[in-house]
Amino acid sequence: MGFFKKKSNSKIHSNSISASQMMTTSSTNELKANLQENIQIIKDSIGKSSDIIIREIRIGEEGTIKAGIIYTDGLTDTTALQNFILETLMLDFKETELQEKLSPEQNLITVLKDFAMTVGEIKELTNFEVLFTGLLSGDTIILIDGYAQGLIISNRYWVERGVTEATAQVVVRGPREGFSENLRVNTALVRRRLKDPNLWMESKVIGKRTKTNVAMMYINGIANDKIVKEVRLRLDKIDIDGILESGNIEELIQDTPYSPFPTIFNTERSDVVAAALLEGRIAIFVDGTPFVLIVPALFVQFFQSSEDYYQRADIASLIRLLRFFAFTIALLAPALFIAVTTFNHVMLPPALLISLAAQREGVPFPAFVEAIIMEITFEILREAGLRMPRSIGSAMSIVGAFVIGTAAVEAGMISAAMVIVVSITAIASFVSPTYDLAISARILRFGFMAIAASFGLLGITIGLIALLLHLCSLRSFGVPYMSPLAPFNLSDQKDTFIRFPIWKMFTRPRLINQQNIVRQQDSAAAKPETSKNKEHEGV
């Protein structure tokens, strides 16, 4: 048994190319020395794309040097292109000064890069693969006649959604800023919170056609080196046409693709990412989505909210216990009702049993069929409310549930008690701070309802044992999914079911972090002093 489980995923495989194929590809991919030939290759490759602008200019006052400017309309900052590139090359650049700077070690491309361009990032390019990647990302390409080289100038600009309030993970107290679809803006939000030179970031390009920028961020010296290596390895193995959202990355690198429980955490809040990095976790940013992946993810992590650490410890502990209780209700409430009313009548008080029997006197369906009908109806209403416009979605869900429930009870198809149980279950499923865990409860709920209708409370007990064994068998990037409960770690119980005061949580999670465990050097010094034994003078 190694530190990590072996992964067998047909969607992830390494791309092997023979040496002869690589030589053939590299020879046809290199830039040509003739400008017109390079421009023709670009036109043939992009077809009749009207957003690709190709302009031929002449450099300098005398205009003896021919050059080509290629950029993508809508992705390039045309103002910077006009003021700092075209104006510099066509008006400010003097060929007499050029001849003075030319040397055997420096050609015209190098001189333009080092002495002429007054823009930020500039790189040299020698092949069409780099050219098209930069061009379609919003960079400006400069090609010079007579040189099999070019310049790629970073002046990307496009209209995007700014930093707004996070909508998927709402808090009462805490920062309001959420991630946007721009990867660099998202990493900057985390950099603003963690001003540590050990906050390292590794960038990758994934997707043969989308060329999606993916960044892996962690704190060197805190993050487990084995986990960092494993994340890097899994990202490098991805070979796919396109990555459109972080959910694509999540499916390709997760440990157990067939488990209903998520083993990778996602968030759109910068403070959650910063807190996870301080615990030794790794964040994965994907360009084009506001949701950032955090690994490794534990079961108890999905019950924690960033608001827990901004409230007082007693309030946060009460709310967290309420979340665990609500998850239990969302998972087992319909199954327990079915089991008790079908098999285990003796567990109910006589008065309640008589009331339930009177309600079900005219109902033509058994309790299991009642629950299935109500659960499916509510799931349909929930999805309809999500997909409809916000102005009428919530109203339609509430009115639809009320009208359908009332009409079903009056028609004698559903008992009133079943409507109450399903309603409480639906409300409890919204208490979870993460959407992924609520989905897991919704999926497993139907399975528990089926075994409750077949075997009663005995079936529910067996199902819970099987569920617990499944949870204990899961791992997230080598870390047991149920830690710190299984394996049990006493010091990490300070932030599991309840949250201890911050001045008592002086260590990081031990199974996630194997080095630099202490995050608060002197916990006793941080403890608030009481005024019980102090003498005060004056009023």
Protein backbone atom coordinates (compact mmCIF):
# COMPACT_ATOMS: atom_id res chain seq x y z
CA MET A 1 0.00 0.00 0.00
CA GLY A 2 1.49 3.30 -1.04
CA PHE A 3 0.77 6.76 0.23
CA PHE A 4 -1.64 7.34 -2.64
CA LYS A 5 -4.13 5.06 -4.31
CA LYS A 6 -3.60 4.15 -7.92
CA LYS A 7 -5.85 5.99 -10.31
CA SER A 8 -7.43 4.29 -13.29
CA ASN A 9 -9.21 6.88 -15.39
CA SER A 10 -9.59 6.39 -19.10
CA LYS A 11 -9.94 10.14 -19.60
CA ILE A 12 -6.47 10.82 -18.23
CA HIS A 13 -3.58 9.42 -20.19
CA SER A 14 -0.18 10.61 -21.27
CA ASN A 15 0.36 11.54 -24.88
CA SER A 16 3.39 9.78 -26.34
CA ILE A 17 4.88 10.98 -29.64
CA SER A 18 7.71 9.30 -31.42
CA ALA A 19 10.96 11.12 -32.09
CA SER A 20 10.44 11.15 -35.85
CA GLN A 21 6.97 12.72 -35.44
CA MET A 22 8.39 15.41 -33.16
CA MET A 23 11.09 16.28 -35.71
CA THR A 24 8.53 16.50 -38.53
CA THR A 25 6.18 18.65 -36.45
CA SER A 26 8.94 21.01 -35.32
CA SER A 27 10.27 21.51 -38.85
CA THR A 28 6.86 22.52 -40.26
CA ASN A 29 5.96 24.61 -37.21
CA GLU A 30 8.93 26.98 -37.33
CA LEU A 31 8.52 30.58 -38.50
CA LYS A 32 9.82 31.47 -41.97
CA ALA A 33 12.23 34.26 -42.81
CA ASN A 34 9.82 35.68 -45.42
CA LEU A 35 7.09 37.93 -43.99
CA GLN A 36 4.56 37.26 -46.74
CA GLU A 37 4.97 33.52 -46.32
CA ASN A 38 4.35 33.78 -42.56
CA ILE A 39 1.25 35.93 -43.09
CA GLN A 40 -0.10 33.51 -45.67
CA ILE A 41 0.35 30.57 -43.27
CA ILE A 42 -1.53 32.51 -40.59
CA LYS A 43 -4.39 33.30 -42.99
CA ASP A 44 -4.63 29.69 -44.12
CA SER A 45 -4.70 28.49 -40.49
CA ILE A 46 -7.36 30.86 -39.16
CA GLY A 47 -9.56 30.80 -42.27
CA LYS A 48 -11.72 33.85 -42.90
CA SER A 49 -11.92 34.89 -39.26
CA SER A 50 -12.86 38.57 -39.32
CA ASP A 51 -11.71 39.22 -35.76
CA ILE A 52 -8.06 38.44 -36.58
CA ILE A 53 -6.50 41.72 -37.75
CA ILE A 54 -3.35 41.54 -39.89
CA ARG A 55 -1.68 44.83 -40.76
CA GLU A 56 1.53 45.29 -42.72
CA ILE A 57 3.59 48.36 -41.77
CA ARG A 58 7.02 49.83 -42.39
CA ILE A 59 9.33 50.57 -39.49
CA GLY A 60 11.21 53.83 -39.04
CA GLU A 61 11.19 57.22 -40.72
CA GLU A 62 12.57 55.95 -44.02
CA GLY A 63 10.34 52.88 -44.03
CA THR A 64 12.77 50.38 -45.50
CA ILE A 65 11.95 47.58 -43.00
CA LYS A 66 8.70 45.69 -43.56
CA ALA A 67 6.85 44.29 -40.54
CA GLY A 68 3.53 42.69 -39.76
CA ILE A 69 1.22 43.38 -36.77
CA ILE A 70 -1.30 40.64 -35.94
CA TYR A 71 -3.84 40.84 -33.11
CA THR A 72 -7.34 39.66 -32.17
CA ASP A 73 -10.04 42.30 -32.13
CA GLY A 74 -11.96 42.18 -28.85
CA LEU A 75 -9.17 40.52 -26.87
CA THR A 76 -6.41 43.10 -27.41
CA ASP A 77 -5.99 46.56 -25.88
CA THR A 78 -6.13 48.60 -29.08
CA THR A 79 -5.33 51.84 -27.24
CA ALA A 80 -2.02 50.44 -26.00
CA LEU A 81 -1.41 48.99 -29.45
CA GLN A 82 -1.81 52.40 -31.04
CA ASN A 83 0.12 54.45 -28.47
CA PHE A 84 2.96 52.15 -27.47
CA ILE A 85 3.51 49.80 -30.43
CA LEU A 86 2.45 51.35 -33.76
CA GLU A 87 3.48 54.88 -32.84
CA THR A 88 6.82 53.69 -31.50
CA LEU A 89 7.65 51.59 -34.56
CA MET A 90 6.40 53.95 -37.28
CA LEU A 91 7.17 57.41 -35.86
CA ASP A 92 9.62 57.34 -32.97
CA PHE A 93 12.00 54.66 -34.20
CA LYS A 94 15.02 55.97 -36.18
CA GLU A 95 17.02 53.69 -38.43
CA THR A 96 20.28 55.59 -37.80
CA GLU A 97 20.05 54.72 -34.12
CA LEU A 98 19.19 51.18 -35.13
CA GLN A 99 22.44 50.73 -37.02
CA GLU A 100 24.40 51.90 -33.97
CA LYS A 101 22.77 49.34 -31.70
CA LEU A 102 23.06 46.39 -34.07
CA SER A 103 25.90 44.01 -33.28
CA PRO A 104 26.80 40.38 -34.05
CA GLU A 105 25.20 39.40 -30.75
CA GLN A 106 22.01 41.43 -31.32
CA ASN A 107 19.71 41.30 -34.33
CA LEU A 108 16.80 43.60 -35.13
CA ILE A 109 14.36 41.51 -33.06
CA THR A 110 16.52 41.82 -29.96
CA VAL A 111 17.04 45.56 -30.47
CA LEU A 112 13.29 46.14 -30.78
CA LYS A 113 12.70 44.14 -27.63
CA ASP A 114 15.43 45.79 -25.54
CA PHE A 115 15.41 49.42 -26.79
CA ALA A 116 12.23 50.26 -28.70
CA MET A 117 9.15 48.70 -27.11
CA THR A 118 7.73 50.71 -24.19
CA VAL A 119 5.29 48.03 -23.08
CA GLY A 120 5.34 45.44 -20.32
CA GLU A 121 5.97 41.78 -20.99
CA ILE A 122 7.68 40.93 -24.31
CA LYS A 123 8.81 37.48 -25.42
CA GLU A 124 10.50 36.17 -28.52
CA LEU A 125 8.80 33.46 -30.56
CA THR A 126 10.13 31.09 -33.21
CA ASN A 127 7.19 28.76 -33.99
CA PHE A 128 3.56 29.01 -35.03
CA GLU A 129 2.23 27.07 -32.02
CA VAL A 130 3.35 29.77 -29.60
CA LEU A 131 2.20 32.42 -32.07
CA PHE A 132 -1.38 31.13 -32.29
CA THR A 133 -1.62 30.54 -28.55
CA GLY A 134 -0.61 34.12 -27.81
CA LEU A 135 -2.63 35.59 -30.67
CA LEU A 136 -5.87 33.89 -29.63
CA SER A 137 -5.24 34.85 -26.00
CA GLY A 138 -5.19 38.56 -26.84
CA ASP A 139 -1.46 39.22 -27.31
CA THR A 140 -0.03 41.24 -30.19
CA ILE A 141 2.36 39.54 -32.61
CA ILE A 142 5.13 41.42 -34.46
CA LEU A 143 6.88 39.74 -37.41
CA ILE A 144 9.84 41.28 -39.28
CA ASP A 145 10.66 40.54 -42.91
CA GLY A 146 13.92 38.65 -43.20
CA TYR A 147 13.81 37.11 -39.71
CA ALA A 148 12.51 33.68 -38.72
CA GLN A 149 11.66 35.16 -35.34
CA GLY A 150 8.99 37.40 -33.91
CA LEU A 151 7.84 39.21 -30.80
CA ILE A 152 4.80 38.45 -28.68
CA ILE A 153 3.64 41.46 -26.66
CA SER A 154 1.28 41.01 -23.75
CA ASN A 155 -1.46 43.66 -24.01
CA ARG A 156 -4.58 41.59 -23.38
CA TYR A 157 -7.82 43.36 -22.60
CA TRP A 158 -11.46 42.32 -22.72
CA VAL A 159 -14.73 43.18 -21.02
CA GLU A 160 -15.24 41.04 -17.93
CA ARG A 161 -17.28 40.82 -14.75
CA GLY A 162 -15.56 42.58 -11.89
CA VAL A 163 -15.12 41.49 -8.30
CA THR A 164 -18.63 41.12 -6.88
CA GLU A 165 -20.22 39.49 -3.86
CA ALA A 166 -20.10 35.69 -3.72
CA THR A 167 -23.53 34.25 -4.50
CA ALA A 168 -23.06 30.51 -3.89
CA GLN A 169 -21.66 30.82 -0.35
CA VAL A 170 -23.46 33.68 1.38
CA VAL A 171 -22.40 34.76 4.88
CA VAL A 172 -23.90 37.15 7.42
CA ARG A 173 -20.54 38.37 8.69
CA GLY A 174 -17.33 38.36 6.70
CA PRO A 175 -15.80 39.66 3.46
CA ARG A 176 -18.17 40.10 0.54
CA GLU A 177 -15.72 39.86 -2.35
CA GLY A 178 -15.87 36.78 -4.54
CA PHE A 179 -13.78 35.48 -7.39
CA SER A 180 -14.40 36.45 -11.01
CA GLU A 181 -13.75 34.64 -14.30
CA ASN A 182 -10.26 36.14 -14.65
CA LEU A 183 -7.53 33.89 -13.28
CA ARG A 184 -5.08 36.72 -12.64
CA VAL A 185 -7.69 38.72 -10.70
CA ASN A 186 -8.44 35.65 -8.58
CA THR A 187 -4.79 34.99 -7.73
CA ALA A 188 -4.35 38.68 -6.92
CA LEU A 189 -7.21 38.52 -4.41
CA VAL A 190 -5.40 35.72 -2.58
CA ARG A 191 -2.02 37.49 -2.85
CA ARG A 192 -3.58 40.54 -1.24
CA ARG A 193 -4.51 38.44 1.80
CA LEU A 194 -1.32 36.36 2.05
CA LYS A 195 1.72 38.62 1.65
CA ASP A 196 4.14 35.75 2.08
CA PRO A 197 7.05 35.08 -0.32
CA ASN A 198 6.54 31.36 0.36
CA LEU A 199 3.16 31.52 -1.38
CA TRP A 200 4.19 29.77 -4.58
CA MET A 201 2.18 29.44 -7.77
CA GLU A 202 2.77 27.05 -10.66
CA SER A 203 1.02 27.73 -13.97
CA LYS A 204 0.04 25.18 -16.61
CA VAL A 205 -1.82 25.22 -19.92
CA ILE A 206 -4.36 22.38 -20.21
CA GLY A 207 -6.53 21.61 -23.21
CA LYS A 208 -5.22 21.05 -26.71
CA ARG A 209 -7.80 23.40 -28.22
CA THR A 210 -8.92 25.69 -25.39
CA LYS A 211 -5.38 26.27 -24.04
CA THR A 212 -6.87 26.99 -20.62
CA ASN A 213 -4.57 28.55 -18.04
CA VAL A 214 -4.54 26.58 -14.78
CA ALA A 215 -2.61 27.66 -11.68
CA MET A 216 -1.70 25.61 -8.61
CA MET A 217 -1.07 27.68 -5.47
CA TYR A 218 0.36 26.54 -2.13
CA ILE A 219 2.53 27.79 0.73
CA ASN A 220 5.99 26.28 0.55
CA GLY A 221 7.03 24.93 3.93
CA ILE A 222 3.46 24.34 5.09
CA ALA A 223 1.93 22.24 2.32
CA ASN A 224 2.79 18.53 2.29
CA ASP A 225 5.39 17.93 -0.44
CA LYS A 226 3.88 14.54 -1.29
CA ILE A 227 0.45 16.05 -1.88
CA VAL A 228 1.94 18.87 -3.96
CA LYS A 229 3.77 16.32 -6.11
CA GLU A 230 0.62 14.22 -6.52
CA VAL A 231 -1.50 17.22 -7.58
CA ARG A 232 1.17 18.26 -10.07
CA LEU A 233 1.33 14.72 -11.46
CA ARG A 234 -2.43 14.42 -11.92
CA LEU A 235 -2.66 17.79 -13.67
CA ASP A 236 0.21 16.89 -16.01
CA LYS A 237 -1.54 13.65 -17.01
CA ILE A 238 -4.65 15.43 -18.30
CA ASP A 239 -4.86 15.09 -22.09
CA ILE A 240 -8.15 16.49 -23.37
CA ASP A 241 -9.40 18.86 -26.06
CA GLY A 242 -10.82 21.49 -23.76
CA ILE A 243 -11.25 22.65 -20.17
CA LEU A 244 -14.21 25.01 -19.82
CA GLU A 245 -14.72 25.06 -16.04
CA SER A 246 -13.02 23.87 -12.87
CA GLY A 247 -15.59 21.05 -12.72
CA ASN A 248 -13.81 19.47 -15.71
CA ILE A 249 -10.54 19.46 -13.76
CA GLU A 250 -12.32 18.10 -10.68
CA GLU A 251 -13.68 15.08 -12.54
CA LEU A 252 -10.32 14.31 -14.09
CA ILE A 253 -8.22 14.37 -10.91
CA GLN A 254 -10.59 13.18 -8.15
CA ASP A 255 -9.87 9.93 -6.30
CA THR A 256 -13.28 8.23 -6.43
CA PRO A 257 -15.36 9.26 -9.47
CA TYR A 258 -18.24 6.93 -8.57
CA SER A 259 -18.75 8.03 -4.97
CA PRO A 260 -21.71 10.33 -4.23
CA PHE A 261 -19.50 12.31 -1.83
CA PRO A 262 -17.22 15.04 -3.21
CA THR A 263 -13.50 14.57 -2.49
CA ILE A 264 -12.53 18.01 -3.84
CA PHE A 265 -13.79 21.22 -2.27
CA ASN A 266 -14.75 24.24 -4.39
CA THR A 267 -15.36 27.83 -3.36
CA GLU A 268 -15.76 31.27 -4.88
CA ARG A 269 -14.55 33.12 -1.76
CA SER A 270 -10.98 34.41 -1.50
CA ASP A 271 -10.94 34.24 2.32
CA VAL A 272 -11.81 30.53 2.22
CA VAL A 273 -8.89 29.87 -0.14
CA ALA A 274 -6.51 31.88 2.04
CA ALA A 275 -7.57 29.95 5.16
CA ALA A 276 -7.16 26.63 3.34
CA LEU A 277 -3.66 27.57 2.19
CA LEU A 278 -2.70 28.42 5.76
CA GLU A 279 -3.79 24.93 6.82
CA GLY A 280 -1.50 23.33 4.23
CA ARG A 281 -3.99 22.70 1.46
CA ILE A 282 -3.50 23.36 -2.26
CA ALA A 283 -5.68 25.64 -4.39
CA ILE A 284 -6.26 25.07 -8.12
CA PHE A 285 -7.34 28.10 -10.16
CA VAL A 286 -8.88 27.69 -13.62
CA ASP A 287 -9.21 30.60 -16.01
CA GLY A 288 -12.80 31.33 -17.01
CA THR A 289 -14.56 30.31 -13.78
CA PRO A 290 -15.00 31.92 -10.33
CA PHE A 291 -14.87 28.55 -8.55
CA VAL A 292 -11.49 27.51 -7.15
CA LEU A 293 -10.70 23.90 -6.20
CA ILE A 294 -9.14 23.06 -2.83
CA VAL A 295 -7.41 19.74 -2.10
CA PRO A 296 -7.30 17.62 -0.05
CA ALA A 297 -10.93 17.86 1.08
CA LEU A 298 -12.32 16.20 4.21
CA PHE A 299 -15.88 15.26 5.13
CA VAL A 300 -16.06 17.69 8.07
CA GLN A 301 -14.78 20.50 5.83
CA PHE A 302 -18.10 20.58 3.97
CA PHE A 303 -19.88 21.52 7.21
CA GLN A 304 -17.56 24.44 7.90
CA SER A 305 -18.30 27.96 6.76
CA SER A 306 -15.95 30.94 6.70
CA GLU A 307 -18.45 32.70 8.93
CA ASP A 308 -17.66 30.22 11.72
CA TYR A 309 -14.30 31.89 12.25
CA TYR A 310 -15.67 35.44 12.27
CA GLN A 311 -18.35 34.79 14.91
CA ARG A 312 -17.77 33.98 18.57
CA ALA A 313 -16.79 30.38 19.27
CA ASP A 314 -20.01 29.48 21.12
CA ILE A 315 -22.24 30.82 18.34
CA ALA A 316 -20.15 29.12 15.64
CA SER A 317 -20.23 25.80 17.52
CA LEU A 318 -24.02 25.91 17.90
CA ILE A 319 -24.53 26.65 14.21
CA ARG A 320 -22.13 23.90 13.17
CA LEU A 321 -23.91 21.32 15.33
CA LEU A 322 -27.15 22.49 13.73
CA ARG A 323 -25.66 21.77 10.28
CA PHE A 324 -24.77 18.19 11.26
CA PHE A 325 -28.27 17.70 12.65
CA ALA A 326 -29.87 19.15 9.50
CA PHE A 327 -27.76 16.83 7.32
CA THR A 328 -29.03 13.85 9.32
CA ILE A 329 -32.63 15.01 8.84
CA ALA A 330 -32.12 15.57 5.11
CA LEU A 331 -30.64 12.09 4.77
CA LEU A 332 -32.87 9.97 7.03
CA ALA A 333 -36.16 11.72 7.86
CA PRO A 334 -38.33 10.19 5.08
CA ALA A 335 -36.71 6.77 5.56
CA LEU A 336 -37.37 6.80 9.31
CA PHE A 337 -40.99 7.84 8.76
CA ILE A 338 -41.49 5.03 6.24
CA ALA A 339 -39.85 2.45 8.52
CA VAL A 340 -41.84 3.44 11.61
CA THR A 341 -45.22 3.64 9.87
CA THR A 342 -44.69 0.43 7.87
CA PHE A 343 -42.84 -1.99 10.18
CA ASN A 344 -42.11 -0.53 13.61
CA HIS A 345 -45.47 0.79 14.86
CA VAL A 346 -44.64 0.01 18.49
CA MET A 347 -42.09 2.83 18.57
CA LEU A 348 -44.82 5.45 18.23
CA PRO A 349 -47.00 6.71 21.10
CA PRO A 350 -50.59 5.36 20.84
CA ALA A 351 -52.11 8.79 20.32
CA LEU A 352 -49.74 9.61 17.47
CA LEU A 353 -50.22 6.17 15.94
CA ILE A 354 -54.01 6.60 15.95
CA SER A 355 -53.69 10.07 14.37
CA LEU A 356 -51.42 8.77 11.58
CA ALA A 357 -53.72 5.81 10.95
CA ALA A 358 -56.71 8.16 10.66
CA GLN A 359 -54.85 10.36 8.17
CA ARG A 360 -53.86 7.38 6.03
CA GLU A 361 -57.33 5.82 6.04
CA GLY A 362 -58.26 7.12 2.61
CA VAL A 363 -54.76 7.22 1.05
CA PRO A 364 -54.50 4.63 -1.75
CA PHE A 365 -50.70 4.39 -1.74
CA PRO A 366 -48.24 2.89 0.76
CA ALA A 367 -45.92 5.24 2.63
CA PHE A 368 -42.96 4.52 0.33
CA VAL A 369 -44.91 5.47 -2.82
CA GLU A 370 -46.19 8.61 -1.05
CA ALA A 371 -42.65 9.65 -0.17
CA ILE A 372 -41.35 8.96 -3.68
CA ILE A 373 -44.13 11.04 -5.25
CA MET A 374 -43.57 13.97 -2.89
CA GLU A 375 -39.77 13.87 -3.13
CA ILE A 376 -39.77 13.77 -6.93
CA THR A 377 -42.33 16.57 -7.06
CA PHE A 378 -40.27 18.75 -4.77
CA GLU A 379 -37.06 18.04 -6.73
CA ILE A 380 -38.84 19.15 -9.90
CA LEU A 381 -40.03 22.33 -8.19
CA ARG A 382 -36.53 23.00 -6.85
CA GLU A 383 -34.90 22.66 -10.27
CA ALA A 384 -37.64 24.73 -11.92
CA GLY A 385 -37.09 27.50 -9.39
CA LEU A 386 -33.35 27.50 -10.06
CA ARG A 387 -33.69 27.69 -13.85
CA MET A 388 -36.43 30.31 -13.99
CA PRO A 389 -35.75 34.08 -13.77
CA ARG A 390 -34.87 35.14 -10.24
CA SER A 391 -37.82 37.53 -10.01
CA ILE A 392 -40.34 34.68 -10.26
CA GLY A 393 -38.28 31.56 -9.46
CA SER A 394 -38.54 31.68 -5.67
CA ALA A 395 -42.19 32.70 -5.75
CA MET A 396 -43.02 29.86 -8.14
CA SER A 397 -41.27 27.30 -5.93
CA ILE A 398 -43.07 28.40 -2.76
CA VAL A 399 -46.50 28.77 -4.35
CA GLY A 400 -46.11 25.55 -6.34
CA ALA A 401 -45.15 23.50 -3.28
CA PHE A 402 -47.96 24.99 -1.19
CA VAL A 403 -50.63 24.53 -3.85
CA ILE A 404 -49.60 21.01 -4.82
CA GLY A 405 -49.20 19.86 -1.21
CA THR A 406 -52.55 21.26 -0.12
CA ALA A 407 -54.37 19.91 -3.16
CA ALA A 408 -52.79 16.44 -2.75
CA VAL A 409 -53.89 16.24 0.91
CA GLU A 410 -57.43 17.45 0.16
CA ALA A 411 -57.71 14.97 -2.71
CA GLY A 412 -56.76 12.12 -0.38
CA MET A 413 -53.69 11.10 -2.41
CA ILE A 414 -51.08 12.08 0.20
CA SER A 415 -51.32 12.18 3.98
CA ALA A 416 -50.67 15.45 5.79
CA ALA A 417 -47.92 13.87 7.90
CA MET A 418 -45.98 12.90 4.77
CA VAL A 419 -46.18 16.48 3.48
CA ILE A 420 -44.77 17.72 6.79
CA VAL A 421 -41.90 15.21 6.74
CA VAL A 422 -40.93 15.97 3.12
CA SER A 423 -41.12 19.73 3.78
CA ILE A 424 -38.85 19.51 6.82
CA THR A 425 -36.44 17.34 4.82
CA ALA A 426 -36.32 19.87 1.98
CA ILE A 427 -35.70 22.78 4.35
CA ALA A 428 -32.95 20.85 6.15
CA SER A 429 -31.16 20.17 2.86
CA PHE A 430 -30.70 23.94 2.37
CA VAL A 431 -28.83 24.33 5.68
CA SER A 432 -25.62 22.82 4.26
CA PRO A 433 -23.08 25.59 3.44
CA THR A 434 -21.87 23.66 0.38
CA TYR A 435 -24.06 22.64 -2.53
CA ASP A 436 -22.10 19.43 -3.27
CA LEU A 437 -22.84 17.85 0.11
CA ALA A 438 -26.54 18.71 -0.19
CA ILE A 439 -26.58 16.90 -3.54
CA SER A 440 -25.04 13.82 -1.89
CA ALA A 441 -27.80 13.78 0.75
CA ARG A 442 -30.47 14.10 -1.95
CA ILE A 443 -29.05 11.13 -3.86
CA LEU A 444 -28.65 8.85 -0.84
CA ARG A 445 -32.07 9.76 0.55
CA PHE A 446 -33.83 7.68 -2.11
CA GLY A 447 -31.66 4.67 -1.34
CA PHE A 448 -32.46 4.85 2.37
CA MET A 449 -36.16 5.20 1.57
CA ALA A 450 -36.02 2.00 -0.50
CA ILE A 451 -34.29 -0.11 2.17
CA ALA A 452 -36.59 1.35 4.87
CA ALA A 453 -39.63 0.22 2.86
CA SER A 454 -38.10 -3.25 2.50
CA PHE A 455 -36.55 -3.95 5.91
CA GLY A 456 -37.62 -1.17 8.26
CA LEU A 457 -35.25 0.16 10.91
CA LEU A 458 -33.01 -2.88 10.45
CA GLY A 459 -32.45 -1.87 6.82
CA ILE A 460 -31.65 1.71 7.82
CA THR A 461 -29.12 0.45 10.37
CA ILE A 462 -27.43 -1.76 7.78
CA GLY A 463 -27.44 1.11 5.30
CA LEU A 464 -25.81 3.46 7.82
CA ILE A 465 -23.09 0.90 8.56
CA ALA A 466 -22.43 0.48 4.83
CA LEU A 467 -22.36 4.27 4.37
CA LEU A 468 -19.92 4.68 7.25
CA LEU A 469 -17.63 1.98 5.84
CA HIS A 470 -17.72 3.70 2.45
CA LEU A 471 -16.82 7.06 3.98
CA CYS A 472 -13.92 5.54 5.92
CA SER A 473 -12.58 3.93 2.74
CA LEU A 474 -12.40 7.23 0.82
CA ARG A 475 -9.21 9.22 0.48
CA SER A 476 -8.59 12.65 -0.91
CA PHE A 477 -5.08 12.89 -2.37
CA GLY A 478 -3.80 10.38 0.15
CA VAL A 479 -5.54 11.87 3.20
CA PRO A 480 -8.32 9.79 4.86
CA TYR A 481 -11.66 11.40 4.04
CA MET A 482 -13.08 11.02 7.57
CA SER A 483 -10.08 12.44 9.41
CA PRO A 484 -9.77 13.64 12.13
CA LEU A 485 -12.61 11.29 13.18
CA ALA A 486 -11.17 8.18 11.53
CA PRO A 487 -8.31 7.93 12.18
CA PHE A 488 -9.09 9.76 15.38
CA ASN A 489 -6.90 12.73 16.26
CA LEU A 490 -7.62 14.39 19.58
CA SER A 491 -5.91 17.71 18.89
CA ASP A 492 -7.87 18.25 15.67
CA GLN A 493 -11.22 17.87 17.47
CA LYS A 494 -10.95 21.56 18.31
CA ASP A 495 -12.38 22.35 14.89
CA THR A 496 -14.63 19.41 14.01
CA PHE A 497 -18.11 19.26 15.54
CA ILE A 498 -17.53 22.43 17.54
CA ARG A 499 -15.03 25.26 17.19
CA PHE A 500 -12.75 26.13 20.04
CA PRO A 501 -11.70 29.76 20.55
CA ILE A 502 -9.01 30.91 18.14
CA TRP A 503 -6.47 31.27 20.95
CA LYS A 504 -6.78 27.54 21.61
CA MET A 505 -6.34 26.37 17.99
CA PHE A 506 -2.57 26.68 17.83
CA THR A 507 -1.85 23.72 15.52
CA ARG A 508 -2.71 22.95 11.91
CA PRO A 509 -4.54 19.75 10.87
CA ARG A 510 -1.93 17.03 11.34
CA LEU A 511 -2.95 14.60 8.61
CA ILE A 512 -2.98 17.36 6.00
CA ASN A 513 0.15 19.12 7.20
CA GLN A 514 3.24 17.07 8.04
CA GLN A 515 5.57 20.01 8.61
CA ASN A 516 5.33 23.37 10.33
CA ILE A 517 2.50 22.13 12.55
CA VAL A 518 2.37 25.12 14.92
CA ARG A 519 0.57 28.18 13.61
CA GLN A 520 0.35 30.04 16.92
CA GLN A 521 3.60 30.04 18.81
CA ASP A 522 2.35 30.90 22.29
CA SER A 523 -1.29 30.00 22.81
CA ALA A 524 -1.20 31.00 26.46
CA ALA A 525 -0.10 34.53 25.61
CA ALA A 526 -2.98 34.89 23.13
CA LYS A 527 -5.59 33.90 25.74
CA PRO A 528 -7.76 36.86 26.79
CA GLU A 529 -7.12 37.96 30.33
CA THR A 530 -10.02 37.99 32.75
CA SER A 531 -10.67 40.67 35.31
CA LYS A 532 -11.81 38.32 38.09
CA ASN A 533 -8.69 38.60 40.27
CA LYS A 534 -7.64 42.10 39.26
CA GLU A 535 -8.06 45.21 41.33
CA HIS A 536 -9.45 48.23 39.57
CA GLU A 537 -9.27 51.74 40.79
CA GLY A 538 -11.84 54.34 40.00
CA VAL A 539 -15.20 53.86 38.39
